[in-house]
Protein backbone atom coordinates (compact mmCIF):
# COMPACT_ATOMS: atom_id res chain seq x y z
CA MET A 1 76.12 163.87 140.44
CA SER A 2 79.17 161.73 139.60
CA ARG A 3 81.79 163.07 137.27
CA PRO A 4 82.38 161.66 133.80
CA LEU A 5 85.30 159.26 133.38
CA LEU A 6 87.93 159.10 130.65
CA VAL A 7 89.89 155.85 130.50
CA THR A 8 92.73 155.99 128.00
CA ASP A 9 95.54 153.81 126.74
CA CYS A 10 99.10 155.16 126.68
CA ASP A 11 101.26 153.87 123.78
CA GLU A 12 100.27 155.48 120.45
CA VAL A 13 97.50 157.39 122.24
CA LEU A 14 99.43 159.51 124.75
CA LEU A 15 103.03 158.62 123.92
CA HIS A 16 104.81 157.58 120.72
CA MET A 17 106.08 154.02 121.02
CA VAL A 18 106.70 152.30 117.67
CA VAL A 19 109.02 155.00 116.30
CA PRO A 20 111.29 155.10 119.40
CA PHE A 21 111.17 151.28 119.48
CA ARG A 22 112.20 151.15 115.81
CA GLU A 23 115.11 153.52 116.42
CA TRP A 24 116.34 151.48 119.39
CA LEU A 25 116.08 148.18 117.48
CA ALA A 26 118.19 149.58 114.65
CA GLN A 27 120.82 151.12 116.92
CA ALA A 28 121.18 148.43 119.56
CA HIS A 29 120.12 145.20 117.86
CA HIS A 30 120.61 145.67 114.08
CA ILE A 31 116.96 144.89 113.49
CA ASP A 32 114.68 146.54 110.93
CA PHE A 33 111.16 147.33 112.10
CA ASP A 34 108.77 147.97 109.20
CA PHE A 35 105.27 148.54 110.57
CA THR A 36 103.79 149.86 107.31
CA GLY A 37 102.20 146.46 106.62
CA GLY A 38 100.14 146.63 109.80
CA SER A 39 101.25 143.16 110.95
CA PHE A 40 103.47 143.30 114.01
CA ALA A 41 104.30 139.59 113.72
CA GLU A 42 106.00 140.16 110.35
CA ALA A 43 107.46 143.59 111.03
CA LEU A 44 110.82 142.76 112.62
CA ARG A 45 113.68 141.36 110.53
CA HIS A 46 117.39 140.94 111.16
CA LYS A 47 119.33 143.46 109.07
CA LEU A 48 122.10 141.08 108.03
CA THR A 49 119.96 138.13 106.91
CA GLY A 50 116.50 139.53 106.34
CA ASP A 51 115.09 136.73 108.50
CA LEU A 52 112.04 137.34 110.64
CA VAL A 53 112.73 137.83 114.33
CA ALA A 54 111.23 134.90 116.27
CA ASP A 55 108.09 135.62 118.29
CA GLU A 56 109.75 134.87 121.62
CA GLN A 57 112.57 137.28 120.80
CA VAL A 58 110.08 139.99 119.85
CA TRP A 59 108.49 139.77 123.30
CA ALA A 60 111.93 139.83 124.93
CA LEU A 61 112.81 142.95 122.94
CA LEU A 62 109.57 144.66 123.91
CA ASN A 63 110.20 143.90 127.58
CA GLY A 64 113.77 145.16 127.19
CA PHE A 65 112.51 148.41 125.69
CA PHE A 66 110.12 149.01 128.57
CA GLU A 67 112.78 148.08 131.14
CA THR A 68 115.47 150.49 129.95
CA GLU A 69 114.33 152.69 127.04
CA MET A 70 111.06 154.36 128.07
CA HIS A 71 112.89 157.68 128.22
CA ARG A 72 112.89 157.60 124.40
CA GLN A 73 109.11 158.01 124.26
CA TYR A 74 107.54 161.44 123.79
CA PRO A 75 103.98 162.80 123.78
CA ILE A 76 101.54 162.48 120.92
CA ALA A 77 100.67 165.94 119.61
CA GLY A 78 98.00 167.61 121.73
CA ALA A 79 97.69 164.75 124.25
CA VAL A 80 99.02 166.62 127.30
CA GLU A 81 96.85 169.67 126.72
CA ALA A 82 93.75 167.62 125.94
CA LEU A 83 93.98 165.37 128.99
CA ASN A 84 94.61 168.21 131.39
CA GLY A 85 91.78 170.20 129.86
CA ILE A 86 89.35 167.28 130.05
CA ALA A 87 90.41 166.64 133.67
CA ALA A 88 88.97 170.00 134.69
CA GLY A 89 85.52 168.41 134.47
CA ALA A 90 86.14 164.66 134.58
CA ASP A 91 88.17 161.90 136.18
CA VAL A 92 91.00 160.50 134.05
CA VAL A 93 92.59 157.04 134.36
CA ILE A 94 95.33 155.54 132.20
CA LEU A 95 94.78 151.82 131.53
CA THR A 96 97.96 150.51 129.93
CA ASN A 97 99.01 147.01 128.89
CA ILE A 98 102.41 147.01 130.49
CA GLY A 99 103.99 144.60 132.96
CA GLU A 100 104.10 145.33 136.67
CA PHE A 101 107.90 145.58 136.32
CA ALA A 102 107.48 148.74 134.23
CA ALA A 103 104.44 150.28 135.92
CA SER A 104 106.37 152.72 138.13
CA GLY A 105 108.46 153.78 135.13
CA ARG A 106 105.29 154.48 133.19
CA VAL A 107 103.96 156.70 136.00
CA GLU A 108 107.21 158.64 136.07
CA GLN A 109 107.56 159.05 132.31
CA LEU A 110 104.00 160.40 132.10
CA ARG A 111 104.52 162.79 135.00
CA ALA A 112 107.70 164.06 133.33
CA VAL A 113 105.69 165.26 130.31
CA GLY A 114 102.82 166.73 132.36
CA ILE A 115 100.36 163.80 132.55
CA ASP A 116 99.69 162.99 136.20
CA PHE A 117 96.71 160.66 136.60
CA PRO A 118 96.20 157.18 138.06
CA VAL A 119 97.93 154.47 136.00
CA ILE A 120 96.51 150.93 135.96
CA PRO A 121 98.85 148.27 134.48
CA ASN A 122 97.11 145.41 132.70
CA ARG A 123 97.64 142.29 130.63
CA GLY A 124 95.14 140.98 128.10
CA GLY A 125 91.76 142.43 127.20
CA LYS A 126 90.78 145.72 128.81
CA GLY A 127 87.03 145.15 129.09
CA ARG A 128 87.09 143.57 132.55
CA PRO A 129 89.41 146.15 134.18
CA LEU A 130 87.37 148.87 132.51
CA SER A 131 84.23 147.41 134.08
CA ARG A 132 85.94 147.41 137.48
CA LEU A 133 86.89 151.08 137.07
CA ILE A 134 83.27 151.94 136.32
CA ALA A 135 82.19 150.12 139.49
CA GLN A 136 84.82 152.08 141.44
CA TYR A 137 84.17 155.56 140.05
CA ARG A 138 80.43 155.23 139.28
CA PRO A 139 80.70 157.87 136.51
CA SER A 140 77.81 159.60 134.81
CA VAL A 141 79.29 158.62 131.44
CA THR A 142 82.54 156.92 130.38
CA VAL A 143 84.75 157.23 127.30
CA PHE A 144 87.45 154.65 126.52
CA VAL A 145 90.31 155.48 124.11
CA ASP A 146 92.66 152.84 122.67
CA ASP A 147 94.63 152.17 119.49
CA LEU A 148 93.93 148.40 119.35
CA GLY A 149 90.70 146.97 118.00
CA GLU A 150 90.86 143.96 120.33
CA HIS A 151 90.43 146.22 123.35
CA HIS A 152 87.37 147.89 121.86
CA GLN A 153 85.94 144.44 121.27
CA SER A 154 86.67 143.51 124.89
CA SER A 155 85.13 146.77 126.10
CA ALA A 156 82.00 146.22 124.01
CA LYS A 157 81.60 142.80 125.62
CA HIS A 158 82.29 143.64 129.26
CA ALA A 159 81.37 147.35 129.50
CA PRO A 160 78.83 148.07 126.73
CA GLU A 161 77.72 151.34 128.36
CA VAL A 162 81.12 152.89 127.54
CA TRP A 163 81.71 155.12 124.50
CA ARG A 164 84.67 153.71 122.54
CA LEU A 165 87.08 155.93 120.59
CA HIS A 166 89.66 154.31 118.32
CA MET A 167 92.77 156.50 118.14
CA VAL A 168 96.12 155.77 116.47
CA GLY A 169 98.22 158.81 117.28
CA GLU A 170 101.35 157.81 115.37
CA PRO A 171 101.04 159.38 111.87
CA GLU A 172 103.30 156.73 110.29
CA LEU A 173 101.16 153.92 111.67
CA ALA A 174 97.63 155.32 111.41
CA PRO A 175 97.15 154.92 107.62
CA ASN A 176 97.89 151.19 107.92
CA ILE A 177 95.36 150.51 110.68
CA ALA A 178 91.70 150.03 109.72
CA PRO A 179 89.03 151.56 111.98
CA ALA A 180 88.11 149.20 114.80
CA PRO A 181 84.64 147.77 114.06
CA ASP A 182 83.67 147.80 117.75
CA ALA A 183 84.54 151.47 118.28
CA HIS A 184 81.94 154.22 118.05
CA ALA A 185 84.38 156.57 116.28
CA ARG A 186 87.88 156.79 114.85
CA ILE A 187 89.77 160.03 115.50
CA ASP A 188 93.58 160.14 115.38
CA ARG A 189 94.15 163.74 116.50
CA TRP A 190 93.63 164.96 120.07
CA ALA A 191 92.54 168.39 118.85
CA GLU A 192 89.41 166.75 117.39
CA ALA A 193 89.08 163.95 119.93
CA ARG A 194 88.84 166.35 122.86
CA GLY A 195 85.72 167.96 121.41
CA TRP A 196 84.14 164.56 120.72
CA ILE A 197 84.81 163.42 124.29
CA GLU A 198 83.68 166.63 125.98
CA ASP A 199 80.49 166.67 123.91
CA LEU A 200 79.62 163.19 125.17
CA PHE A 201 80.41 164.23 128.73
CA ALA A 202 78.18 167.29 128.39
CA ARG A 203 75.29 165.21 127.02
CA GLY A 204 75.66 162.69 129.85
CA VAL A 205 74.14 159.81 127.88
CA ARG A 206 75.74 156.40 128.16
CA ALA A 207 76.46 154.21 125.15
CA GLY A 208 74.40 151.10 124.39
């Protein structure tokens, strides 16, 4: 019988991102990053003027962070232990929306903290690549974990047999993010999420 499959995002699920990004913006670019409003588009402002940072500059800053500053990221509490424990009885794949230019850096930063599983870089919705992973692994049951509602929506459309867990592992960010309507559950702590995932794997029943 095929093994279960866990497909998980990285930023704010396995590794902290917004807090290290905020610290770097302040130190290197004199930019304030206030994500308490939940709107990324309105979160970045120039310290001196208070003006919003233009969208194109935001993307350039994000790319710059992933090119040179990934060493600032650190694990979400319990993520390393949970993934390695789950991997004793299941396959684990990390599906991360990061450019090809940063994919090797992502593999290395995860290995450095004790997370050593296949990493699939992606752009856009995750439903289609998730469907391809299911075709490749042919798992008995699949769980998908992500912090963004749009990816749960994409998963529901393209891989409806997958159980979808909405997780926002950054404690400063989580209270400002509503539960994703297309997810089956919202759990922000790996200590609880591991039990939820392993229970589904033990039951062996697909979603949908």
